[in-house]
Amino acid sequence: MEKKQLGTSDLFVSPISLGCMSLGTDEKKASDIIHRALDLGINYLDTADLYDKGWNEEIVGKTIKERRNEIVLATKVGNHLNNDGTWFWDPSKSYIKEQVKESLRRLQTDYIDLYQLHGGTIDDPIDETIEAFEELKQEGTIRYYGISSIRPNVIREYVQHSSIVSVMLQHSLLDRRPEESVLELLAKNKISVVTRGSLAKGILSKNSLEVVKKKGTEGYQSYSFEQLKNTVKKLEGILHEGQTLNGLAIHYVLSQPAVTSAVIGGSSIQQLEENYDAFNEAFSEDQLDAAKAITMENYYDKHR
């Protein structure tokens, strides 16, 4: 699988990557999924200290120990875990510099390729947060840093004042908000986008109508339940033989110039392989344009 440069860094990542949040807590099963992803050429793994209260990092760390040099390892920080399992938002310099040590321990590594702020608000002490990441970078504890945020006002602050190489954004055919506000800005500044939610909770999958009936009864983003059903049917109508809705969804987000990789969860090897096969499907520009015309233009009504 051809790798793409992440921002201006010297990290090169697979265009689809493994979101580890959905791996679960069965260590053997999770480990098998990770190894299969690596064998398929997926080299970018995305986890976070918050996932399963640190256990996700533990599983990832044990699994990749012998294959560390094959991997671009990303994790996240900012959600302060209490001993009782609750958490609160904490982007302070002291917490970031303290928590990175715990992530390194759980991940059984002495460096993190991409350390991401796991959220962020405009009221954060942003200068202090940036200072923490810059110091960790200078120390060699992390190679690069980025943010995982959907808030345009926060993203603009980091673009202007930090050396982030990436932003993780929620983006899909059913959630096109980033197209309206930040994709062009990030592309202009050579900051890579890695997307999450690109399959829209599985609504954009081969079992789309079943998923809509299970997960879309309250609607999704700007869509009502009925609009979801109609939109999915129309999207399926532009597929050619051998193509899937998974593939259309993945290729749509990857067609955006700012997007470097689509982070896709995998709760089973079968699911992982289905999405890998979907990535290897081919779609014409006309199909991608048709998909865009079928779906709504979404807009941020907050955090502008």
Protein backbone atom coordinates (compact mmCIF):
# COMPACT_ATOMS: atom_id res chain seq x y z
CA MET A 1 0.00 0.00 0.00
CA GLU A 2 1.47 3.33 -1.09
CA LYS A 3 2.18 5.64 1.84
CA LYS A 4 1.47 9.37 1.96
CA GLN A 5 3.38 12.09 3.79
CA LEU A 6 1.71 13.36 6.94
CA GLY A 7 1.83 17.14 6.71
CA THR A 8 5.40 18.39 6.55
CA SER A 9 6.68 15.59 8.78
CA ASP A 10 8.87 12.69 7.75
CA LEU A 11 6.08 10.28 8.68
CA PHE A 12 4.52 8.39 5.80
CA VAL A 13 1.19 6.73 6.50
CA SER A 14 -1.19 4.36 4.76
CA PRO A 15 -4.25 6.05 3.19
CA ILE A 16 -6.48 3.92 5.37
CA SER A 17 -5.49 3.43 8.97
CA LEU A 18 -6.67 1.42 11.95
CA GLY A 19 -8.72 3.20 14.58
CA CYS A 20 -8.10 1.13 17.67
CA MET A 21 -11.02 2.36 19.79
CA SER A 22 -13.32 -0.39 18.49
CA LEU A 23 -10.87 -3.26 19.06
CA GLY A 24 -12.51 -4.21 22.35
CA THR A 25 -10.92 -5.70 25.44
CA ASP A 26 -10.36 -9.27 24.24
CA GLU A 27 -6.58 -9.17 23.97
CA LYS A 28 -6.21 -12.11 21.56
CA LYS A 29 -8.91 -10.87 19.21
CA ALA A 30 -7.58 -7.30 19.22
CA SER A 31 -4.02 -8.50 18.66
CA ASP A 32 -5.10 -10.61 15.67
CA ILE A 33 -6.84 -7.60 14.11
CA ILE A 34 -3.76 -5.41 14.54
CA HIS A 35 -1.43 -8.02 13.04
CA ARG A 36 -3.77 -8.52 10.09
CA ALA A 37 -3.89 -4.76 9.49
CA LEU A 38 -0.09 -4.59 9.46
CA ASP A 39 0.10 -7.57 7.11
CA LEU A 40 -2.27 -5.75 4.73
CA GLY A 41 0.08 -2.76 4.65
CA ILE A 42 -1.79 -0.53 7.09
CA ASN A 43 0.97 1.13 9.12
CA TYR A 44 -0.87 3.89 10.99
CA LEU A 45 -2.49 2.93 14.31
CA ASP A 46 -4.58 5.45 16.23
CA THR A 47 -5.36 4.96 19.92
CA ALA A 48 -5.87 7.19 22.97
CA ASP A 49 -5.22 7.10 26.70
CA LEU A 50 -8.98 7.36 27.30
CA TYR A 51 -9.99 4.25 25.34
CA ASP A 52 -11.06 1.51 27.74
CA LYS A 53 -9.41 3.52 30.53
CA GLY A 54 -5.91 2.86 29.21
CA TRP A 55 -6.41 -0.81 28.39
CA ASN A 56 -6.50 -0.06 24.66
CA GLU A 57 -2.99 1.36 24.80
CA GLU A 58 -1.91 -1.67 26.83
CA ILE A 59 -3.17 -4.08 24.15
CA VAL A 60 -1.66 -2.06 21.32
CA GLY A 61 1.66 -1.87 23.16
CA LYS A 62 1.87 -5.62 23.76
CA THR A 63 0.89 -6.40 20.18
CA ILE A 64 3.28 -4.09 18.35
CA LYS A 65 6.31 -4.58 20.57
CA GLU A 66 8.11 -6.78 18.03
CA ARG A 67 6.90 -4.75 15.03
CA ARG A 68 7.41 -1.22 16.32
CA ASN A 69 9.58 -0.14 13.40
CA GLU A 70 6.75 -0.93 10.95
CA ILE A 71 4.32 1.44 12.62
CA VAL A 72 3.39 5.09 12.79
CA LEU A 73 1.91 5.14 16.27
CA ALA A 74 -0.58 7.84 17.23
CA THR A 75 -2.21 8.36 20.59
CA LYS A 76 -4.05 11.19 22.33
CA VAL A 77 -4.10 13.13 25.58
CA GLY A 78 -6.23 15.70 27.40
CA ASN A 79 -8.92 13.65 29.12
CA HIS A 80 -7.78 13.40 32.72
CA LEU A 81 -8.66 9.99 34.11
CA ASN A 82 -9.46 9.73 37.80
CA ASN A 83 -8.87 6.58 39.81
CA ASP A 84 -12.61 5.92 39.90
CA GLY A 85 -12.80 5.81 36.10
CA THR A 86 -14.34 9.24 35.63
CA TRP A 87 -12.54 11.91 33.66
CA PHE A 88 -12.43 15.65 33.07
CA TRP A 89 -10.94 17.83 30.38
CA ASP A 90 -7.37 18.87 31.21
CA PRO A 91 -5.16 20.39 28.48
CA SER A 92 -2.67 21.75 31.02
CA LYS A 93 1.05 21.50 30.41
CA SER A 94 1.60 19.62 33.65
CA TYR A 95 -0.98 16.95 32.81
CA ILE A 96 0.23 16.44 29.25
CA LYS A 97 3.84 16.03 30.37
CA GLU A 98 2.81 13.71 33.19
CA GLN A 99 0.40 11.61 31.13
CA VAL A 100 2.78 11.02 28.21
CA LYS A 101 4.90 8.92 30.58
CA GLU A 102 1.91 6.71 31.31
CA SER A 103 1.12 6.32 27.62
CA LEU A 104 4.72 5.37 26.90
CA ARG A 105 4.59 2.77 29.66
CA ARG A 106 1.34 1.26 28.42
CA LEU A 107 2.49 1.31 24.81
CA GLN A 108 5.87 -0.22 25.76
CA THR A 109 7.78 2.25 23.62
CA ASP A 110 10.17 5.12 24.27
CA TYR A 111 8.65 7.50 21.73
CA ILE A 112 5.29 8.36 20.16
CA ASP A 113 5.22 9.22 16.48
CA LEU A 114 2.15 11.46 16.65
CA TYR A 115 0.79 12.82 19.94
CA GLN A 116 -2.62 14.45 19.60
CA LEU A 117 -4.65 16.73 21.80
CA HIS A 118 -7.90 14.81 22.26
CA GLY A 119 -10.36 17.66 21.85
CA GLY A 120 -9.92 21.32 22.73
CA THR A 121 -11.96 24.45 23.31
CA ILE A 122 -11.29 28.09 22.57
CA ASP A 123 -11.16 28.72 26.33
CA ASP A 124 -8.20 26.36 26.86
CA PRO A 125 -4.75 27.72 27.82
CA ILE A 126 -3.68 27.07 24.22
CA ASP A 127 -0.22 28.64 24.50
CA GLU A 128 0.53 26.42 27.50
CA THR A 129 -0.72 23.33 25.69
CA ILE A 130 1.45 24.09 22.65
CA GLU A 131 4.44 24.66 24.93
CA ALA A 132 3.98 21.18 26.42
CA PHE A 133 3.94 19.52 23.00
CA GLU A 134 6.92 21.54 21.78
CA GLU A 135 8.97 20.54 24.82
CA LEU A 136 8.08 16.86 24.38
CA LYS A 137 9.14 17.15 20.76
CA GLN A 138 12.46 18.73 21.70
CA GLU A 139 13.04 16.01 24.28
CA GLY A 140 12.45 13.30 21.66
CA THR A 141 9.54 11.83 23.61
CA ILE A 142 7.25 12.53 20.65
CA ARG A 143 8.22 13.02 17.04
CA TYR A 144 5.31 15.25 16.01
CA TYR A 145 2.02 16.47 17.36
CA GLY A 146 -1.45 17.27 16.12
CA ILE A 147 -4.97 17.84 17.37
CA SER A 148 -8.16 15.81 17.20
CA SER A 149 -10.89 18.42 17.04
CA ILE A 150 -13.94 19.37 14.99
CA ARG A 151 -14.01 22.98 16.21
CA PRO A 152 -12.97 25.45 13.50
CA ASN A 153 -12.17 28.21 16.01
CA VAL A 154 -9.75 25.91 17.85
CA ILE A 155 -8.22 24.55 14.64
CA ARG A 156 -7.49 28.08 13.38
CA GLU A 157 -5.64 28.90 16.62
CA TYR A 158 -3.37 25.85 16.28
CA VAL A 159 -2.76 26.52 12.58
CA GLN A 160 -1.65 30.05 13.44
CA HIS A 161 0.37 29.42 16.59
CA SER A 162 1.72 25.85 16.57
CA SER A 163 3.67 23.39 14.45
CA ILE A 164 0.94 20.74 14.23
CA VAL A 165 1.33 18.36 11.29
CA SER A 166 -2.20 16.93 11.38
CA VAL A 167 -5.79 17.44 12.45
CA MET A 168 -8.18 14.55 13.03
CA LEU A 169 -11.64 15.57 11.84
CA GLN A 170 -15.00 13.90 11.60
CA HIS A 171 -15.79 13.88 7.89
CA SER A 172 -18.00 11.76 5.66
CA LEU A 173 -20.52 11.98 2.85
CA LEU A 174 -23.11 12.51 5.57
CA ASP A 175 -21.03 15.01 7.54
CA ARG A 176 -19.44 17.45 5.12
CA ARG A 177 -18.98 20.31 7.59
CA PRO A 178 -15.16 20.45 7.25
CA GLU A 179 -15.52 21.22 3.53
CA GLU A 180 -17.21 24.49 4.41
CA SER A 181 -14.69 25.75 6.91
CA VAL A 182 -11.32 24.12 7.42
CA LEU A 183 -10.22 21.67 4.70
CA GLU A 184 -8.99 24.44 2.42
CA LEU A 185 -7.23 26.20 5.30
CA LEU A 186 -5.38 23.03 6.31
CA ALA A 187 -4.40 22.16 2.74
CA LYS A 188 -3.05 25.69 2.24
CA ASN A 189 -0.90 25.32 5.37
CA LYS A 190 0.28 21.80 4.43
CA ILE A 191 -1.34 20.27 7.51
CA SER A 192 -2.75 16.81 6.90
CA VAL A 193 -6.27 15.78 7.76
CA VAL A 194 -6.92 12.30 9.08
CA THR A 195 -10.61 11.54 9.11
CA ARG A 196 -12.77 9.67 11.58
CA GLY A 197 -16.41 8.71 11.22
CA SER A 198 -15.98 8.32 7.47
CA LEU A 199 -18.45 5.43 7.41
CA ALA A 200 -20.90 7.40 9.58
CA LYS A 201 -21.35 4.77 12.30
CA GLY A 202 -21.67 2.08 9.62
CA ILE A 203 -24.54 3.83 7.86
CA LEU A 204 -22.27 4.02 4.82
CA SER A 205 -21.66 0.29 4.55
CA LYS A 206 -22.89 -2.75 2.66
CA ASN A 207 -25.59 -3.19 5.33
CA SER A 208 -26.55 0.46 5.17
CA LEU A 209 -30.33 0.24 5.40
CA GLU A 210 -30.14 -2.20 8.31
CA VAL A 211 -27.77 0.16 10.13
CA VAL A 212 -30.03 3.13 9.42
CA LYS A 213 -32.93 1.27 11.03
CA LYS A 214 -30.79 0.48 14.10
CA LYS A 215 -28.75 3.66 14.54
CA GLY A 216 -30.51 6.29 12.48
CA THR A 217 -33.98 6.40 13.99
CA GLU A 218 -33.14 9.75 15.59
CA GLY A 219 -31.46 10.92 12.40
CA TYR A 220 -27.78 11.68 11.82
CA GLN A 221 -26.24 15.16 11.68
CA SER A 222 -28.56 17.21 9.40
CA TYR A 223 -30.53 14.17 8.25
CA SER A 224 -33.85 12.91 9.51
CA PHE A 225 -34.54 9.16 9.52
CA GLU A 226 -36.45 9.39 6.23
CA GLN A 227 -33.77 11.54 4.62
CA LEU A 228 -31.12 9.03 5.68
CA LYS A 229 -33.00 6.15 4.07
CA ASN A 230 -33.58 8.08 0.84
CA THR A 231 -29.99 9.34 0.66
CA VAL A 232 -28.52 5.90 1.20
CA LYS A 233 -30.75 4.44 -1.54
CA LYS A 234 -29.66 7.17 -3.96
CA LEU A 235 -25.98 6.58 -3.13
CA GLU A 236 -26.38 2.87 -3.71
CA GLY A 237 -27.96 3.71 -7.06
CA ILE A 238 -24.73 5.19 -8.45
CA LEU A 239 -22.63 2.15 -7.61
CA HIS A 240 -21.38 -0.09 -10.40
CA GLU A 241 -20.97 -3.84 -10.25
CA GLY A 242 -18.31 -4.82 -7.70
CA GLN A 243 -18.49 -1.50 -5.87
CA THR A 244 -19.67 -0.99 -2.29
CA LEU A 245 -20.97 1.91 -0.27
CA ASN A 246 -17.95 1.45 2.03
CA GLY A 247 -15.70 2.05 -0.95
CA LEU A 248 -17.60 5.12 -2.10
CA ALA A 249 -17.50 6.59 1.41
CA ILE A 250 -13.77 5.97 1.81
CA HIS A 251 -12.84 7.28 -1.63
CA TYR A 252 -14.98 10.36 -1.18
CA VAL A 253 -13.08 11.57 1.89
CA LEU A 254 -9.72 10.59 0.39
CA SER A 255 -10.54 12.67 -2.70
CA GLN A 256 -10.28 15.84 -0.60
CA PRO A 257 -6.81 17.38 -1.18
CA ALA A 258 -6.19 17.95 2.55
CA VAL A 259 -6.99 14.36 3.56
CA THR A 260 -4.05 11.99 3.98
CA SER A 261 -5.64 9.02 5.71
CA ALA A 262 -9.06 7.73 6.72
CA VAL A 263 -9.00 6.25 10.22
CA ILE A 264 -11.44 3.35 10.20
CA GLY A 265 -12.30 1.18 13.18
CA GLY A 266 -12.12 -2.58 13.07
CA SER A 267 -13.98 -4.76 15.54
CA SER A 268 -13.24 -7.96 13.60
CA ILE A 269 -10.83 -9.21 10.96
CA GLN A 270 -13.78 -9.60 8.57
CA GLN A 271 -14.71 -5.94 9.00
CA LEU A 272 -11.10 -4.89 8.54
CA GLU A 273 -10.75 -6.91 5.34
CA GLU A 274 -14.05 -5.61 3.96
CA ASN A 275 -12.85 -2.04 4.36
CA TYR A 276 -9.45 -2.90 2.92
CA ASP A 277 -11.16 -4.41 -0.14
CA ALA A 278 -13.40 -1.35 -0.34
CA PHE A 279 -10.34 0.91 -0.41
CA ASN A 280 -9.03 -1.09 -3.38
CA GLU A 281 -12.18 -0.43 -5.41
CA ALA A 282 -11.99 2.25 -8.12
CA PHE A 283 -14.41 5.16 -8.49
CA SER A 284 -14.64 7.76 -11.23
CA GLU A 285 -14.67 11.50 -10.60
CA ASP A 286 -18.19 11.53 -12.01
CA GLN A 287 -19.32 9.09 -9.32
CA LEU A 288 -17.71 11.13 -6.55
CA ASP A 289 -19.33 14.29 -7.95
CA ALA A 290 -22.68 12.50 -8.09
CA ALA A 291 -22.29 11.38 -4.46
CA LYS A 292 -21.57 14.96 -3.45
CA ALA A 293 -24.68 16.18 -5.31
CA ILE A 294 -26.86 13.57 -3.58
CA THR A 295 -25.76 14.51 -0.06
CA MET A 296 -26.36 17.68 1.94
CA GLU A 297 -23.92 20.49 2.53
CA ASN A 298 -23.54 20.60 6.32
CA TYR A 299 -22.45 23.65 8.29
CA TYR A 300 -21.03 24.22 11.75
CA ASP A 301 -23.52 26.15 13.86
CA LYS A 302 -21.12 26.33 16.79
CA HIS A 303 -17.42 26.98 17.36
CA ARG A 304 -17.02 28.91 14.14
